[in-house]
Amino acid sequence: MNGGKTSRRARLARLVLGGSMLAAGVVAAAAPPSDAARPRASSAPLEIAVFSPFTGPNAEYGYFNYDGCVSAVTLVDQSGGVQGHDLSCKIVDNRGDPADAVPAAQNMVAGSSNLVGEVDGNSGLLSATVPILCKAHLVEMSLGGDPAFDKNSCPYFWRTTPGDDQAGYALAAYLKFDTHYTKLAALFGNDVAAQGNVPGLLAGAKNLGLKIVSNQALALDQTSYASEAQKLKSAHPQVIVTESDPQTAGVLFANLKQAGVLLPLVGTSGTVGTDYNKASIAAIRSKAYTKGFVRIIQYTATAGPAFDVWKRGVAAAKGIQSKSAVVTGFAPEVAYDHVTMEALAMVAAHSTVGSVYDKYVAKITEGKVVVHSFAEGKAALAKGESIDFVGLEGQISFNRYHNSAGIWSVDNPVTNATEKTISASDMAKALGH
């Protein structure tokens, strides 16, 4: 990211962290109120919390979610808002750590009478934070990949992206059906989010006859991974499957290059972002990075009616510095869909109260009239029609655990362009079906 975006991050983070510290003593002693207990300030915009890391090694992911949110609320507000209110996006920094995320969540639900929804990218934090948000009846649309939420029990939690365990199966399916590689090395960070991919990768590889010749959990942000590189070299893999933070990736790739084992790389959604790209390219050069690396992530559109609306939202939104990067970014696009879905559910329910409009989140993806934007959906609902919102992620179909499987795509690491998609039949084979 450029210097302007770095400055904006620092300024916004100071605002959020300052508010969190002021309220910390009160929040620790008080249980979060339910949505029914919150009076709405009649003139103030309603708030969608962007509850993600905005400081620390994964801060870039918070801004991906924020940029998607502001693009969505810009279009919502241009179309007259929700129940007579404009929407706004509220940054809440959880620092990407459960120890910080719990008090941040408590402060968030107790600190605003106008908070009506939440979006996040909280892989590794959901078990710690969802109970707090659920108790407060706060509708949560999450990008978090924690496998435990494949069988989610909170009625206010929704996920349109598969769990990290499903991502592991997608990695195996791609390698089996779209490459000639049969011997794999797994290099994943030892954090919860990265390790969530590993069980699915191992099981998928077994189902498809692939061999994992090396499986190493990387301690994050070390000054050297030379021993890991040598261990991998001795196993003679043909391809490396990986996820880590940018700092780890930069050092790791440099050590792999030095050891002569800079093999083709297959990454996950945890390798998305300018910071990751910069660290990797600095270590191994642009040509090697772009030639030998693909990402397996959930599909989001790069053309079509929903994408055309999204581009207009990004162009009109204030506070987004790198708009050309955001417009094809997976995480901003999903956050945009999530905010749009929350807003449409409120319109359908004629209510901004979480315990009321939550029941309409699935309904606005199951109706008869297909819509690709908030404006189209609001107009159809005003006519008494039922709607099926098909946004940037394509068709959403929630199961009884409030999860939607989505479509997996194989993306270029720099342009984010979809090079191919993984078929449902190939995924089924990886899953052993």
Protein backbone atom coordinates (compact mmCIF):
# COMPACT_ATOMS: atom_id res chain seq x y z
CA MET A 1 0.00 0.00 0.00
CA ASN A 2 1.12 3.58 -0.59
CA GLY A 3 2.05 6.06 2.09
CA GLY A 4 -1.39 7.64 2.06
CA LYS A 5 -3.04 4.39 3.07
CA THR A 6 -0.48 3.75 5.80
CA SER A 7 -1.21 7.18 7.28
CA ARG A 8 -4.96 6.56 7.13
CA ARG A 9 -4.53 3.25 8.96
CA ALA A 10 -2.53 4.84 11.75
CA ARG A 11 -5.04 7.65 12.19
CA LEU A 12 -8.11 5.36 12.25
CA ALA A 13 -6.41 2.85 14.53
CA ARG A 14 -5.65 5.58 17.08
CA LEU A 15 -9.31 6.62 17.11
CA VAL A 16 -10.55 3.07 17.65
CA LEU A 17 -7.96 2.06 20.21
CA GLY A 18 -8.51 5.24 22.17
CA GLY A 19 -12.23 4.52 22.42
CA SER A 20 -11.58 0.93 23.45
CA MET A 21 -9.29 1.96 26.29
CA LEU A 22 -11.73 4.51 27.66
CA ALA A 23 -14.52 1.96 27.94
CA ALA A 24 -12.52 -1.09 29.04
CA GLY A 25 -13.25 -0.83 32.76
CA VAL A 26 -17.00 -0.43 32.25
CA VAL A 27 -17.28 -3.26 29.74
CA ALA A 28 -15.50 -5.79 31.91
CA ALA A 29 -18.13 -5.39 34.59
CA ALA A 30 -21.24 -5.18 32.43
CA ALA A 31 -23.02 -7.81 30.40
CA PRO A 32 -23.79 -6.71 26.83
CA PRO A 33 -27.37 -5.60 26.35
CA SER A 34 -29.68 -7.32 23.91
CA ASP A 35 -30.69 -5.42 20.79
CA ALA A 36 -34.18 -4.92 22.19
CA ALA A 37 -32.70 -2.88 25.04
CA ARG A 38 -30.93 -0.45 22.73
CA PRO A 39 -32.80 2.78 21.94
CA ARG A 40 -31.96 4.17 18.50
CA ALA A 41 -30.74 7.74 18.11
CA SER A 42 -33.22 9.01 15.54
CA SER A 43 -30.92 11.29 13.51
CA ALA A 44 -27.60 9.44 13.62
CA PRO A 45 -26.58 6.94 10.93
CA LEU A 46 -26.93 3.29 11.84
CA GLU A 47 -23.61 1.53 12.28
CA ILE A 48 -22.20 -1.61 10.70
CA ALA A 49 -19.17 -2.66 12.72
CA VAL A 50 -16.13 -3.83 10.80
CA PHE A 51 -14.68 -6.07 13.50
CA SER A 52 -11.25 -7.11 12.23
CA PRO A 53 -7.53 -6.53 12.80
CA PHE A 54 -6.53 -2.96 11.97
CA THR A 55 -3.16 -3.11 13.74
CA GLY A 56 -0.56 -5.87 13.87
CA PRO A 57 0.73 -8.17 11.12
CA ASN A 58 -2.73 -8.77 9.60
CA ALA A 59 -3.91 -5.15 9.64
CA GLU A 60 -4.31 -5.14 5.86
CA TYR A 61 -7.22 -7.59 6.16
CA GLY A 62 -9.17 -5.17 8.32
CA TYR A 63 -8.94 -2.52 5.63
CA PHE A 64 -10.03 -4.99 2.98
CA ASN A 65 -13.24 -5.49 4.97
CA TYR A 66 -13.62 -1.77 5.66
CA ASP A 67 -13.22 -0.83 1.99
CA GLY A 68 -15.95 -3.31 1.06
CA CYS A 69 -18.20 -1.94 3.78
CA VAL A 70 -17.89 1.73 2.78
CA SER A 71 -18.56 0.83 -0.86
CA ALA A 72 -21.76 -0.94 0.16
CA VAL A 73 -23.07 1.76 2.51
CA THR A 74 -22.36 4.42 -0.14
CA LEU A 75 -24.79 2.67 -2.47
CA VAL A 76 -27.30 1.99 0.31
CA ASP A 77 -27.32 5.65 1.29
CA GLN A 78 -27.63 6.76 -2.35
CA SER A 79 -30.78 4.61 -2.53
CA GLY A 80 -32.43 6.20 0.49
CA GLY A 81 -30.93 4.13 3.27
CA VAL A 82 -32.73 1.67 5.54
CA GLN A 83 -35.90 2.50 7.45
CA GLY A 84 -35.19 6.20 7.03
CA HIS A 85 -31.58 5.92 8.20
CA ASP A 86 -28.25 6.19 6.45
CA LEU A 87 -25.65 3.54 7.26
CA SER A 88 -22.02 4.03 8.28
CA CYS A 89 -19.06 1.70 8.82
CA LYS A 90 -17.48 1.63 12.27
CA ILE A 91 -13.92 0.34 12.61
CA VAL A 92 -13.39 -1.94 15.62
CA ASP A 93 -9.83 -3.23 15.95
CA ASN A 94 -9.54 -6.75 17.41
CA ARG A 95 -5.80 -6.89 16.59
CA GLY A 96 -6.19 -10.44 15.30
CA ASP A 97 -5.68 -11.92 18.76
CA PRO A 98 -8.30 -13.55 21.02
CA ALA A 99 -6.90 -11.79 24.10
CA ASP A 100 -7.59 -8.41 22.48
CA ALA A 101 -10.66 -9.46 20.52
CA VAL A 102 -12.78 -10.42 23.55
CA PRO A 103 -12.68 -7.00 25.28
CA ALA A 104 -12.99 -5.31 21.89
CA ALA A 105 -16.18 -7.30 21.19
CA GLN A 106 -17.57 -6.53 24.63
CA ASN A 107 -16.88 -2.83 24.17
CA MET A 108 -18.38 -2.89 20.68
CA VAL A 109 -21.76 -4.30 21.68
CA ALA A 110 -22.03 -2.14 24.80
CA GLY A 111 -20.73 1.08 23.35
CA SER A 112 -23.23 2.19 20.69
CA SER A 113 -27.01 2.48 20.59
CA ASN A 114 -26.91 2.62 16.77
CA LEU A 115 -25.01 -0.61 16.10
CA VAL A 116 -27.19 -2.81 13.87
CA GLY A 117 -24.84 -5.28 12.17
CA GLU A 118 -21.31 -6.60 11.92
CA VAL A 119 -18.93 -7.90 9.26
CA ASP A 120 -15.58 -9.53 9.94
CA GLY A 121 -12.73 -11.66 8.65
CA ASN A 122 -11.95 -13.29 11.96
CA SER A 123 -10.35 -16.65 11.26
CA GLY A 124 -8.99 -17.97 14.54
CA LEU A 125 -11.15 -15.68 16.70
CA LEU A 126 -14.70 -16.92 16.19
CA SER A 127 -14.85 -19.28 19.17
CA ALA A 128 -13.85 -16.39 21.44
CA THR A 129 -16.04 -13.65 19.96
CA VAL A 130 -19.18 -15.18 18.43
CA PRO A 131 -20.74 -16.00 21.85
CA ILE A 132 -20.45 -12.32 22.81
CA LEU A 133 -22.04 -11.07 19.60
CA CYS A 134 -24.66 -13.81 19.68
CA LYS A 135 -25.73 -12.92 23.21
CA ALA A 136 -26.15 -9.32 22.07
CA HIS A 137 -28.35 -10.43 19.11
CA LEU A 138 -25.92 -8.76 16.72
CA VAL A 139 -26.19 -10.12 13.18
CA GLU A 140 -22.71 -11.23 12.12
CA MET A 141 -21.66 -11.84 8.51
CA SER A 142 -18.25 -13.47 8.67
CA LEU A 143 -15.32 -14.33 6.44
CA GLY A 144 -13.79 -16.29 9.32
CA GLY A 145 -12.77 -19.79 8.34
CA ASP A 146 -12.78 -21.57 11.72
CA PRO A 147 -13.83 -25.18 11.01
CA ALA A 148 -15.78 -25.38 14.29
CA PHE A 149 -18.39 -23.12 12.69
CA ASP A 150 -19.11 -25.59 9.91
CA LYS A 151 -21.78 -26.67 12.41
CA ASN A 152 -22.53 -23.25 13.85
CA SER A 153 -25.22 -23.05 16.54
CA CYS A 154 -25.56 -19.25 16.88
CA PRO A 155 -28.71 -18.00 15.09
CA TYR A 156 -27.08 -14.61 14.39
CA PHE A 157 -23.92 -15.96 12.73
CA TRP A 158 -23.79 -16.27 8.91
CA ARG A 159 -20.95 -17.28 6.62
CA THR A 160 -20.94 -17.18 2.82
CA THR A 161 -17.40 -18.56 2.58
CA PRO A 162 -16.52 -22.18 3.39
CA GLY A 163 -14.52 -23.10 6.48
CA ASP A 164 -10.76 -23.46 6.29
CA ASP A 165 -11.10 -27.25 6.36
CA GLN A 166 -13.05 -27.02 3.10
CA ALA A 167 -10.27 -24.83 1.68
CA GLY A 168 -7.85 -27.70 2.31
CA TYR A 169 -9.99 -30.03 0.20
CA ALA A 170 -10.09 -27.40 -2.57
CA LEU A 171 -6.28 -27.25 -2.56
CA ALA A 172 -6.13 -31.01 -3.00
CA ALA A 173 -8.74 -30.96 -5.79
CA TYR A 174 -6.82 -28.33 -7.74
CA LEU A 175 -3.54 -30.22 -7.46
CA LYS A 176 -5.11 -33.51 -8.50
CA PHE A 177 -7.21 -32.40 -11.45
CA ASP A 178 -5.41 -29.31 -12.75
CA THR A 179 -1.71 -30.11 -12.29
CA HIS A 180 0.61 -33.07 -12.76
CA TYR A 181 2.01 -32.90 -9.21
CA THR A 182 1.65 -35.91 -6.94
CA LYS A 183 4.17 -35.14 -4.13
CA LEU A 184 3.20 -32.19 -1.92
CA ALA A 185 4.88 -30.20 0.84
CA ALA A 186 2.68 -28.32 3.32
CA LEU A 187 4.16 -25.17 4.89
CA PHE A 188 1.54 -23.48 7.06
CA GLY A 189 1.91 -21.01 9.89
CA ASN A 190 1.28 -22.43 13.35
CA ASP A 191 -1.63 -20.03 13.99
CA VAL A 192 -5.19 -21.34 14.22
CA ALA A 193 -6.31 -19.84 10.91
CA ALA A 194 -3.49 -21.30 8.81
CA GLN A 195 -3.59 -24.68 10.53
CA GLY A 196 -7.33 -24.87 9.83
CA ASN A 197 -6.46 -25.73 6.21
CA VAL A 198 -4.27 -28.71 7.05
CA PRO A 199 -6.78 -31.43 8.04
CA GLY A 200 -8.76 -30.93 4.83
CA LEU A 201 -5.59 -30.91 2.73
CA LEU A 202 -4.38 -34.16 4.35
CA ALA A 203 -7.74 -35.88 3.98
CA GLY A 204 -8.27 -34.61 0.44
CA ALA A 205 -4.80 -35.73 -0.61
CA LYS A 206 -5.49 -39.20 0.79
CA ASN A 207 -8.84 -39.41 -1.01
CA LEU A 208 -7.23 -38.42 -4.31
CA GLY A 209 -4.06 -40.49 -4.11
CA LEU A 210 -1.69 -37.55 -3.55
CA LYS A 211 1.27 -37.85 -1.17
CA ILE A 212 2.18 -35.31 1.49
CA VAL A 213 5.96 -35.77 1.76
CA SER A 214 6.53 -32.90 4.22
CA ASN A 215 4.12 -31.18 6.63
CA GLN A 216 5.65 -28.40 8.74
CA ALA A 217 3.94 -25.91 11.05
CA LEU A 218 5.92 -22.67 10.95
CA ALA A 219 6.53 -20.53 14.02
CA LEU A 220 5.59 -17.08 12.77
CA ASP A 221 7.88 -14.13 12.17
CA GLN A 222 11.23 -15.84 12.71
CA THR A 223 14.49 -14.41 11.35
CA SER A 224 15.33 -17.64 9.53
CA TYR A 225 13.60 -20.72 8.16
CA ALA A 226 16.78 -22.30 6.82
CA SER A 227 16.29 -25.55 8.75
CA GLU A 228 12.70 -25.83 7.50
CA ALA A 229 13.92 -25.26 3.95
CA GLN A 230 16.52 -28.02 4.26
CA LYS A 231 13.98 -30.42 5.75
CA LEU A 232 11.64 -29.73 2.87
CA LYS A 233 14.44 -30.19 0.33
CA SER A 234 15.27 -33.64 1.70
CA ALA A 235 11.64 -34.75 1.18
CA HIS A 236 11.79 -34.03 -2.60
CA PRO A 237 8.32 -32.48 -3.13
CA GLN A 238 7.14 -31.20 -6.50
CA VAL A 239 4.98 -28.34 -5.17
CA ILE A 240 4.51 -26.33 -1.97
CA VAL A 241 1.10 -25.55 -0.46
CA THR A 242 1.26 -22.64 1.98
CA GLU A 243 -0.29 -19.97 4.20
CA SER A 244 1.42 -17.53 6.55
CA ASP A 245 1.56 -13.83 7.30
CA PRO A 246 3.60 -11.57 4.99
CA GLN A 247 6.63 -11.29 7.28
CA THR A 248 6.96 -15.05 7.56
CA ALA A 249 6.49 -15.53 3.82
CA GLY A 250 9.24 -13.09 2.92
CA VAL A 251 11.84 -14.83 5.09
CA LEU A 252 10.63 -18.32 4.18
CA PHE A 253 10.72 -17.75 0.43
CA ALA A 254 14.18 -16.21 0.62
CA ASN A 255 15.42 -19.29 2.50
CA LEU A 256 13.74 -21.64 0.02
CA LYS A 257 15.45 -19.80 -2.83
CA GLN A 258 18.82 -20.03 -1.08
CA ALA A 259 18.29 -23.76 -0.54
CA GLY A 260 17.44 -24.30 -4.22
CA VAL A 261 13.88 -25.47 -3.54
CA LEU A 262 11.85 -22.55 -4.81
CA LEU A 263 9.12 -24.79 -6.19
CA PRO A 264 5.69 -23.92 -7.61
CA LEU A 265 3.51 -22.47 -4.84
CA VAL A 266 -0.21 -22.86 -4.13
CA GLY A 267 -1.61 -20.42 -1.56
CA THR A 268 -4.88 -19.91 0.29
CA SER A 269 -7.02 -16.83 0.92
CA GLY A 270 -4.65 -16.15 3.83
CA THR A 271 -2.01 -15.14 1.28
CA VAL A 272 -4.12 -12.39 -0.29
CA GLY A 273 -2.94 -8.81 -0.16
CA THR A 274 -0.43 -6.19 -1.21
CA ASP A 275 1.72 -6.71 1.88
CA TYR A 276 2.05 -10.43 1.14
CA ASN A 277 2.83 -9.74 -2.51
CA LYS A 278 5.46 -7.15 -1.64
CA ALA A 279 7.22 -9.38 0.90
CA SER A 280 7.23 -12.32 -1.49
CA ILE A 281 8.41 -10.37 -4.53
CA ALA A 282 11.19 -8.77 -2.47
CA ALA A 283 12.39 -12.26 -1.55
CA ILE A 284 12.17 -14.10 -4.87
CA ARG A 285 11.59 -11.42 -7.54
CA SER A 286 8.44 -10.69 -9.49
CA LYS A 287 9.03 -13.10 -12.36
CA ALA A 288 9.39 -16.16 -10.10
CA TYR A 289 6.43 -15.10 -7.96
CA THR A 290 3.96 -14.51 -10.76
CA LYS A 291 5.06 -17.51 -12.80
CA GLY A 292 5.00 -20.16 -10.10
CA PHE A 293 2.23 -19.11 -7.69
CA VAL A 294 -1.56 -19.41 -7.71
CA ARG A 295 -4.16 -18.86 -4.99
CA ILE A 296 -7.15 -21.05 -4.30
CA ILE A 297 -9.88 -18.84 -2.88
CA GLN A 298 -13.62 -18.45 -3.07
CA TYR A 299 -14.85 -17.13 -6.39
CA THR A 300 -15.97 -13.52 -6.69
CA ALA A 301 -17.08 -11.88 -9.91
CA THR A 302 -14.82 -9.82 -12.16
CA ALA A 303 -17.57 -9.01 -14.68
CA GLY A 304 -21.35 -8.94 -14.92
CA PRO A 305 -24.20 -6.91 -13.42
CA ALA A 306 -23.20 -7.29 -9.76
CA PHE A 307 -19.62 -6.36 -10.58
CA ASP A 308 -20.71 -3.26 -12.50
CA VAL A 309 -22.65 -2.03 -9.47
CA TRP A 310 -19.71 -2.83 -7.18
CA LYS A 311 -17.35 -0.76 -9.34
CA ARG A 312 -19.68 2.22 -9.05
CA GLY A 313 -19.75 1.79 -5.27
CA VAL A 314 -15.96 1.71 -5.02
CA ALA A 315 -15.65 4.76 -7.27
CA ALA A 316 -18.15 6.75 -5.19
CA ALA A 317 -16.95 5.67 -1.74
CA LYS A 318 -14.78 8.03 0.28
CA GLY A 319 -11.64 6.96 2.12
CA ILE A 320 -10.44 4.16 -0.19
CA GLN A 321 -6.90 4.91 -1.30
CA SER A 322 -6.06 2.08 -3.70
CA LYS A 323 -9.34 1.72 -5.58
CA SER A 324 -7.83 -0.18 -8.51
CA ALA A 325 -6.60 -2.91 -6.13
CA VAL A 326 -9.82 -3.03 -4.12
CA VAL A 327 -12.12 -3.49 -7.11
CA THR A 328 -10.75 -6.98 -7.85
CA GLY A 329 -10.04 -7.96 -4.25
CA PHE A 330 -11.70 -11.05 -2.79
CA ALA A 331 -12.10 -9.81 0.81
CA PRO A 332 -13.49 -6.34 -0.08
CA GLU A 333 -15.97 -7.92 -2.48
CA VAL A 334 -17.24 -10.38 0.15
CA ALA A 335 -17.55 -7.64 2.78
CA TYR A 336 -19.55 -5.60 0.25
CA ASP A 337 -21.93 -8.51 -0.31
CA HIS A 338 -22.28 -9.03 3.44
CA VAL A 339 -23.23 -5.42 4.19
CA THR A 340 -25.62 -5.34 1.24
CA MET A 341 -27.30 -8.53 2.49
CA GLU A 342 -27.71 -7.13 6.00
CA ALA A 343 -29.25 -3.94 4.60
CA LEU A 344 -31.66 -5.87 2.35
CA ALA A 345 -32.68 -8.10 5.26
CA MET A 346 -33.51 -4.99 7.29
CA VAL A 347 -35.64 -3.64 4.44
CA ALA A 348 -37.43 -6.97 4.04
CA ALA A 349 -38.09 -7.18 7.78
CA HIS A 350 -39.12 -3.51 8.09
CA SER A 351 -36.78 -3.44 11.08
CA THR A 352 -33.19 -2.68 11.99
CA VAL A 353 -33.39 -4.80 15.16
CA GLY A 354 -31.13 -7.84 14.92
CA SER A 355 -33.52 -10.33 16.48
CA VAL A 356 -36.13 -9.31 13.88
CA TYR A 357 -34.20 -8.90 10.63
CA ASP A 358 -31.93 -11.89 11.26
CA LYS A 359 -34.80 -14.14 10.16
CA TYR A 360 -34.71 -12.48 6.72
CA VAL A 361 -31.00 -12.98 5.93
CA ALA A 362 -31.64 -16.33 4.26
CA LYS A 363 -34.98 -15.22 2.80
CA ILE A 364 -33.42 -12.46 0.68
CA THR A 365 -31.34 -15.15 -1.10
CA GLU A 366 -34.29 -17.48 -1.78
CA GLY A 367 -36.95 -15.36 -3.49
CA LYS A 368 -38.32 -15.27 -7.03
CA VAL A 369 -36.92 -11.98 -8.34
CA VAL A 370 -33.14 -12.04 -8.91
CA VAL A 371 -31.47 -8.77 -7.94
CA HIS A 372 -27.84 -7.74 -8.10
CA SER A 373 -27.80 -4.60 -5.97
CA PHE A 374 -29.34 -2.97 -2.92
CA ALA A 375 -31.29 -0.54 -5.11
CA GLU A 376 -32.84 -3.35 -7.17
CA GLY A 377 -33.65 -5.35 -4.06
CA LYS A 378 -35.21 -2.42 -2.24
CA ALA A 379 -37.38 -1.56 -5.25
CA ALA A 380 -38.59 -5.16 -5.62
CA LEU A 381 -39.38 -5.48 -1.91
CA ALA A 382 -41.35 -2.23 -2.06
CA LYS A 383 -43.56 -3.92 -4.67
CA GLY A 384 -44.18 -6.85 -2.35
CA GLU A 385 -41.93 -9.20 -4.34
CA SER A 386 -39.59 -11.78 -2.82
CA ILE A 387 -35.96 -11.40 -3.84
CA ASP A 388 -32.90 -13.55 -4.53
CA PHE A 389 -29.81 -11.38 -4.06
CA VAL A 390 -27.02 -12.64 -6.32
CA GLY A 391 -23.99 -10.49 -5.64
CA LEU A 392 -20.29 -10.76 -6.28
CA GLU A 393 -20.08 -14.25 -4.78
CA GLY A 394 -22.76 -15.64 -7.06
CA GLN A 395 -25.70 -17.65 -5.76
CA ILE A 396 -25.86 -17.94 -1.98
CA SER A 397 -27.49 -21.04 -0.50
CA PHE A 398 -27.39 -21.29 3.28
CA ASN A 399 -27.58 -24.66 5.00
CA ARG A 400 -29.07 -25.23 8.45
CA TYR A 401 -25.80 -24.10 10.04
CA HIS A 402 -25.94 -20.74 8.24
CA ASN A 403 -23.03 -21.69 5.94
CA SER A 404 -22.97 -21.39 2.15
CA ALA A 405 -20.47 -23.49 0.16
CA GLY A 406 -19.59 -20.98 -2.57
CA ILE A 407 -17.47 -21.60 -5.66
CA TRP A 408 -13.70 -22.11 -5.59
CA SER A 409 -11.46 -20.31 -8.06
CA VAL A 410 -7.79 -20.44 -9.02
CA ASP A 411 -6.49 -16.86 -9.08
CA ASN A 412 -3.42 -15.01 -10.29
CA PRO A 413 -1.57 -13.74 -7.18
CA VAL A 414 -1.12 -10.16 -8.36
CA THR A 415 -4.05 -9.34 -10.66
CA ASN A 416 -6.57 -11.50 -8.73
CA ALA A 417 -7.90 -12.62 -12.11
CA THR A 418 -9.65 -15.99 -12.07
CA GLU A 419 -7.67 -18.43 -14.19
CA LYS A 420 -10.08 -21.33 -13.69
CA THR A 421 -12.69 -22.64 -11.26
CA ILE A 422 -12.80 -25.94 -9.38
CA SER A 423 -15.80 -28.00 -10.37
CA ALA A 424 -18.30 -29.31 -7.87
CA SER A 425 -17.57 -32.86 -9.03
CA ASP A 426 -13.84 -32.45 -8.38
CA MET A 427 -14.58 -31.04 -4.91
CA ALA A 428 -16.88 -33.98 -4.21
CA LYS A 429 -14.09 -36.42 -5.10
CA ALA A 430 -11.67 -34.58 -2.81
CA LEU A 431 -14.25 -34.81 -0.02
CA GLY A 432 -14.53 -38.55 -0.61
CA HIS A 433 -18.13 -38.40 -1.86
